[in-house]
PDB file of N, CA and C in Angstrom:
ATOM      1  N   MET A   1       0.846  -1.164   0.000  1.00  0.00           N
ATOM      2  CA  MET A   1       0.000   0.000   0.000  1.00  0.00           C
ATOM      3  C   MET A   1       0.897   1.235   0.000  1.00  0.00           C
ATOM      4  N   PHE A   2       0.472   2.266  -0.709  1.00  0.00           N
ATOM      5  CA  PHE A   2       1.199   3.525  -0.780  1.00  0.00           C
ATOM      6  C   PHE A   2       0.269   4.671  -0.429  1.00  0.00           C
ATOM      7  N   LEU A   3       0.795   5.630   0.274  1.00  0.00           N
ATOM      8  CA  LEU A   3       0.097   6.883   0.523  1.00  0.00           C
ATOM      9  C   LEU A   3       0.895   7.962  -0.196  1.00  0.00           C
ATOM     10  N   THR A   4       0.296   8.572  -1.172  1.00  0.00           N
ATOM     11  CA  THR A   4       0.985   9.594  -1.950  1.00  0.00           C
ATOM     12  C   THR A   4       0.382  10.952  -1.623  1.00  0.00           C
ATOM     13  N   ILE A   5       1.249  11.896  -1.285  1.00  0.00           N
ATOM     14  CA  ILE A   5       0.812  13.255  -0.980  1.00  0.00           C
ATOM     15  C   ILE A   5       1.554  14.199  -1.915  1.00  0.00           C
ATOM     16  N   GLU A   6       0.801  14.917  -2.712  1.00  0.00           N
ATOM     17  CA  GLU A   6       1.388  15.927  -3.581  1.00  0.00           C
ATOM     18  C   GLU A   6       1.458  17.230  -2.785  1.00  0.00           C
ATOM     19  N   VAL A   7       2.653  17.608  -2.388  1.00  0.00           N
ATOM     20  CA  VAL A   7       2.845  18.756  -1.507  1.00  0.00           C
ATOM     21  C   VAL A   7       2.201  20.020  -2.061  1.00  0.00           C
ATOM     22  N   ASP A   8       2.406  20.309  -3.331  1.00  0.00           N
ATOM     23  CA  ASP A   8       1.866  21.543  -3.908  1.00  0.00           C
ATOM     24  C   ASP A   8       0.341  21.527  -3.950  1.00  0.00           C
ATOM     25  N   VAL A   9      -0.252  20.386  -4.257  1.00  0.00           N
ATOM     26  CA  VAL A   9      -1.711  20.271  -4.300  1.00  0.00           C
ATOM     27  C   VAL A   9      -2.288  20.452  -2.895  1.00  0.00           C
ATOM     28  N   ILE A  10      -1.710  19.779  -1.913  1.00  0.00           N
ATOM     29  CA  ILE A  10      -2.181  19.890  -0.527  1.00  0.00           C
ATOM     30  C   ILE A  10      -2.021  21.327  -0.034  1.00  0.00           C
ATOM     31  N   TYR A  11      -0.937  21.968  -0.398  1.00  0.00           N
ATOM     32  CA  TYR A  11      -0.707  23.362  -0.002  1.00  0.00           C
ATOM     33  C   TYR A  11      -1.826  24.266  -0.534  1.00  0.00           C
ATOM     34  N   GLU A  12      -2.126  24.143  -1.822  1.00  0.00           N
ATOM     35  CA  GLU A  12      -3.174  24.981  -2.422  1.00  0.00           C
ATOM     36  C   GLU A  12      -4.539  24.692  -1.797  1.00  0.00           C
ATOM     37  N   GLU A  13      -4.869  23.428  -1.566  1.00  0.00           N
ATOM     38  CA  GLU A  13      -6.143  23.064  -0.944  1.00  0.00           C
ATOM     39  C   GLU A  13      -6.227  23.594   0.488  1.00  0.00           C
ATOM     40  N   THR A  14      -5.117  23.527   1.198  1.00  0.00           N
ATOM     41  CA  THR A  14      -5.070  24.018   2.578  1.00  0.00           C
ATOM     42  C   THR A  14      -5.321  25.520   2.618  1.00  0.00           C
ATOM     43  N   LYS A  15      -4.665  26.255   1.717  1.00  0.00           N
ATOM     44  CA  LYS A  15      -4.867  27.711   1.643  1.00  0.00           C
ATOM     45  C   LYS A  15      -6.315  28.055   1.317  1.00  0.00           C
ATOM     46  N   LYS A  16      -6.905  27.337   0.357  1.00  0.00           N
ATOM     47  CA  LYS A  16      -8.295  27.607  -0.047  1.00  0.00           C
ATOM     48  C   LYS A  16      -9.261  27.409   1.113  1.00  0.00           C
ATOM     49  N   LYS A  17      -8.938  26.496   2.019  1.00  0.00           N
ATOM     50  CA  LYS A  17      -9.805  26.218   3.163  1.00  0.00           C
ATOM     51  C   LYS A  17      -9.603  27.221   4.290  1.00  0.00           C
ATOM     52  N   GLY A  18      -8.638  28.124   4.132  1.00  0.00           N
ATOM     53  CA  GLY A  18      -8.411  29.157   5.133  1.00  0.00           C
ATOM     54  C   GLY A  18      -7.590  28.709   6.327  1.00  0.00           C
ATOM     55  N   VAL A  19      -6.920  27.573   6.201  1.00  0.00           N
ATOM     56  CA  VAL A  19      -6.063  27.101   7.285  1.00  0.00           C
ATOM     57  C   VAL A  19      -4.819  27.986   7.344  1.00  0.00           C
ATOM     58  N   GLU A  20      -4.442  28.390   8.560  1.00  0.00           N
ATOM     59  CA  GLU A  20      -3.251  29.231   8.716  1.00  0.00           C
ATOM     60  C   GLU A  20      -1.999  28.427   8.390  1.00  0.00           C
ATOM     61  N   ILE A  21      -1.180  28.967   7.498  1.00  0.00           N
ATOM     62  CA  ILE A  21       0.095  28.357   7.137  1.00  0.00           C
ATOM     63  C   ILE A  21       1.153  28.935   8.077  1.00  0.00           C
ATOM     64  N   VAL A  22       1.792  28.075   8.860  1.00  0.00           N
ATOM     65  CA  VAL A  22       2.805  28.525   9.826  1.00  0.00           C
ATOM     66  C   VAL A  22       4.157  28.722   9.142  1.00  0.00           C
ATOM     67  N   ILE A  23       4.506  27.808   8.245  1.00  0.00           N
ATOM     68  CA  ILE A  23       5.716  27.938   7.424  1.00  0.00           C
ATOM     69  C   ILE A  23       5.263  27.840   5.980  1.00  0.00           C
ATOM     70  N   ASP A  24       5.479  28.906   5.206  1.00  0.00           N
ATOM     71  CA  ASP A  24       5.049  28.912   3.817  1.00  0.00           C
ATOM     72  C   ASP A  24       5.836  27.869   3.020  1.00  0.00           C
ATOM     73  N   ILE A  25       5.256  27.411   1.916  1.00  0.00           N
ATOM     74  CA  ILE A  25       5.901  26.366   1.115  1.00  0.00           C
ATOM     75  C   ILE A  25       7.263  26.855   0.625  1.00  0.00           C
ATOM     76  N   ARG A  26       8.238  25.943   0.690  1.00  0.00           N
ATOM     77  CA  ARG A  26       9.591  26.317   0.269  1.00  0.00           C
ATOM     78  C   ARG A  26      10.414  25.080  -0.036  1.00  0.00           C
ATOM     79  N   ASP A  27      11.467  25.306  -0.799  1.00  0.00           N
ATOM     80  CA  ASP A  27      12.443  24.268  -1.106  1.00  0.00           C
ATOM     81  C   ASP A  27      13.664  24.514  -0.234  1.00  0.00           C
ATOM     82  N   GLU A  28      14.081  23.472   0.463  1.00  0.00           N
ATOM     83  CA  GLU A  28      15.255  23.581   1.325  1.00  0.00           C
ATOM     84  C   GLU A  28      16.510  23.163   0.554  1.00  0.00           C
ATOM     85  N   VAL A  29      17.660  23.667   0.978  1.00  0.00           N
ATOM     86  CA  VAL A  29      18.917  23.363   0.286  1.00  0.00           C
ATOM     87  C   VAL A  29      19.258  21.877   0.350  1.00  0.00           C
ATOM     88  N   TRP A  30      18.721  21.161   1.346  1.00  0.00           N
ATOM     89  CA  TRP A  30      19.015  19.729   1.464  1.00  0.00           C
ATOM     90  C   TRP A  30      18.051  18.879   0.633  1.00  0.00           C
ATOM     91  N   GLY A  31      17.148  19.526  -0.127  1.00  0.00           N
ATOM     92  CA  GLY A  31      16.325  18.808  -1.089  1.00  0.00           C
ATOM     93  C   GLY A  31      14.846  18.721  -0.772  1.00  0.00           C
ATOM     94  N   ASP A  32      14.441  18.926   0.468  1.00  0.00           N
ATOM     95  CA  ASP A  32      13.024  18.800   0.823  1.00  0.00           C
ATOM     96  C   ASP A  32      12.210  19.988   0.327  1.00  0.00           C
ATOM     97  N   ARG A  33      10.941  19.723   0.024  1.00  0.00           N
ATOM     98  CA  ARG A  33       9.963  20.775  -0.267  1.00  0.00           C
ATOM     99  C   ARG A  33       8.870  20.592   0.757  1.00  0.00           C
ATOM    100  N   HIS A  34       8.508  21.660   1.475  1.00  0.00           N
ATOM    101  CA  HIS A  34       7.544  21.495   2.553  1.00  0.00           C
ATOM    102  C   HIS A  34       6.860  22.788   2.938  1.00  0.00           C
ATOM    103  N   PHE A  35       5.791  22.611   3.738  1.00  0.00           N
ATOM    104  CA  PHE A  35       5.124  23.714   4.423  1.00  0.00           C
ATOM    105  C   PHE A  35       4.589  23.151   5.726  1.00  0.00           C
ATOM    106  N   ALA A  36       4.188  24.034   6.637  1.00  0.00           N
ATOM    107  CA  ALA A  36       3.725  23.562   7.941  1.00  0.00           C
ATOM    108  C   ALA A  36       2.470  24.302   8.369  1.00  0.00           C
ATOM    109  N   ILE A  37       1.621  23.554   9.078  1.00  0.00           N
ATOM    110  CA  ILE A  37       0.413  24.091   9.695  1.00  0.00           C
ATOM    111  C   ILE A  37       0.443  23.684  11.166  1.00  0.00           C
ATOM    112  N   GLN A  38      -0.551  24.111  11.910  1.00  0.00           N
ATOM    113  CA  GLN A  38      -0.618  23.770  13.335  1.00  0.00           C
ATOM    114  C   GLN A  38      -2.044  23.341  13.657  1.00  0.00           C
ATOM    115  N   ASP A  39      -2.183  22.228  14.384  1.00  0.00           N
ATOM    116  CA  ASP A  39      -3.532  21.787  14.743  1.00  0.00           C
ATOM    117  C   ASP A  39      -4.056  22.624  15.904  1.00  0.00           C
ATOM    118  N   PRO A  40      -5.340  22.529  16.218  1.00  0.00           N
ATOM    119  CA  PRO A  40      -5.923  23.367  17.275  1.00  0.00           C
ATOM    120  C   PRO A  40      -5.275  23.196  18.652  1.00  0.00           C
ATOM    121  N   ASN A  41      -4.588  22.080  18.872  1.00  0.00           N
ATOM    122  CA  ASN A  41      -3.909  21.851  20.146  1.00  0.00           C
ATOM    123  C   ASN A  41      -2.476  22.382  20.162  1.00  0.00           C
ATOM    124  N   GLY A  42      -2.063  23.003  19.055  1.00  0.00           N
ATOM    125  CA  GLY A  42      -0.715  23.565  18.995  1.00  0.00           C
ATOM    126  C   GLY A  42       0.340  22.619  18.458  1.00  0.00           C
ATOM    127  N   ILE A  43      -0.074  21.451  17.960  1.00  0.00           N
ATOM    128  CA  ILE A  43       0.880  20.487  17.412  1.00  0.00           C
ATOM    129  C   ILE A  43       1.207  20.883  15.977  1.00  0.00           C
ATOM    130  N   GLY A  44       2.497  21.029  15.677  1.00  0.00           N
ATOM    131  CA  GLY A  44       2.919  21.369  14.325  1.00  0.00           C
ATOM    132  C   GLY A  44       2.814  20.171  13.398  1.00  0.00           C
ATOM    133  N   ILE A  45       2.358  20.419  12.186  1.00  0.00           N
ATOM    134  CA  ILE A  45       2.253  19.376  11.162  1.00  0.00           C
ATOM    135  C   ILE A  45       3.037  19.854   9.953  1.00  0.00           C
ATOM    136  N   ASP A  46       4.099  19.131   9.624  1.00  0.00           N
ATOM    137  CA  ASP A  46       4.972  19.491   8.511  1.00  0.00           C
ATOM    138  C   ASP A  46       4.653  18.563   7.347  1.00  0.00           C
ATOM    139  N   ILE A  47       4.193  19.124   6.242  1.00  0.00           N
ATOM    140  CA  ILE A  47       3.870  18.361   5.035  1.00  0.00           C
ATOM    141  C   ILE A  47       5.103  18.440   4.138  1.00  0.00           C
ATOM    142  N   VAL A  48       5.715  17.284   3.871  1.00  0.00           N
ATOM    143  CA  VAL A  48       7.038  17.265   3.251  1.00  0.00           C
ATOM    144  C   VAL A  48       7.101  16.311   2.062  1.00  0.00           C
ATOM    145  N   ARG A  49       7.842  16.741   1.049  1.00  0.00           N
ATOM    146  CA  ARG A  49       8.288  15.830  -0.016  1.00  0.00           C
ATOM    147  C   ARG A  49       9.795  15.719   0.156  1.00  0.00           C
ATOM    148  N   TYR A  50      10.263  14.546   0.519  1.00  0.00           N
ATOM    149  CA  TYR A  50      11.690  14.318   0.687  1.00  0.00           C
ATOM    150  C   TYR A  50      12.322  14.011  -0.656  1.00  0.00           C
ATOM    151  N   SER A  51      13.475  14.586  -0.906  1.00  0.00           N
ATOM    152  CA  SER A  51      14.222  14.285  -2.120  1.00  0.00           C
ATOM    153  C   SER A  51      15.685  14.588  -1.876  1.00  0.00           C
ATOM    154  N   GLU A  52      16.499  14.026  -2.742  1.00  0.00           N
ATOM    155  CA  GLU A  52      17.933  14.253  -2.641  1.00  0.00           C
ATOM    156  C   GLU A  52      18.259  15.693  -3.046  1.00  0.00           C
ATOM    157  N   PRO A  53      19.217  16.306  -2.387  1.00  0.00           N
ATOM    158  CA  PRO A  53      19.602  17.669  -2.788  1.00  0.00           C
ATOM    159  C   PRO A  53      20.239  17.661  -4.181  1.00  0.00           C
ATOM    160  N   VAL A  54      20.052  18.739  -4.894  1.00  0.00           N
ATOM    161  CA  VAL A  54      20.654  18.877  -6.216  1.00  0.00           C
ATOM    162  C   VAL A  54      22.051  19.441  -6.030  1.00  0.00           C
ATOM    163  N   THR A  55      23.020  18.764  -6.578  1.00  0.00           N
ATOM    164  CA  THR A  55      24.405  19.248  -6.486  1.00  0.00           C
ATOM    165  C   THR A  55      24.915  19.536  -7.879  1.00  0.00           C
ATOM    166  N   ASP A  56      25.693  20.580  -7.979  1.00  0.00           N
ATOM    167  CA  ASP A  56      26.248  20.954  -9.298  1.00  0.00           C
ATOM    168  C   ASP A  56      27.673  20.516  -9.405  1.00  0.00           C
TER     169      ASP A  56
END
């Protein structure tokens, strides 16, 4: 079984629903693409696509 999450799609859907984005979507130098929200109890939820960093 696989659970596939498209980070960009989830980000856009989350914004449309008016959920507060705590960390805006971004690409990190180590390769991850992510954004973060917070649940009503204050627990941070980081939505991430892990990938290898691009090296030149």
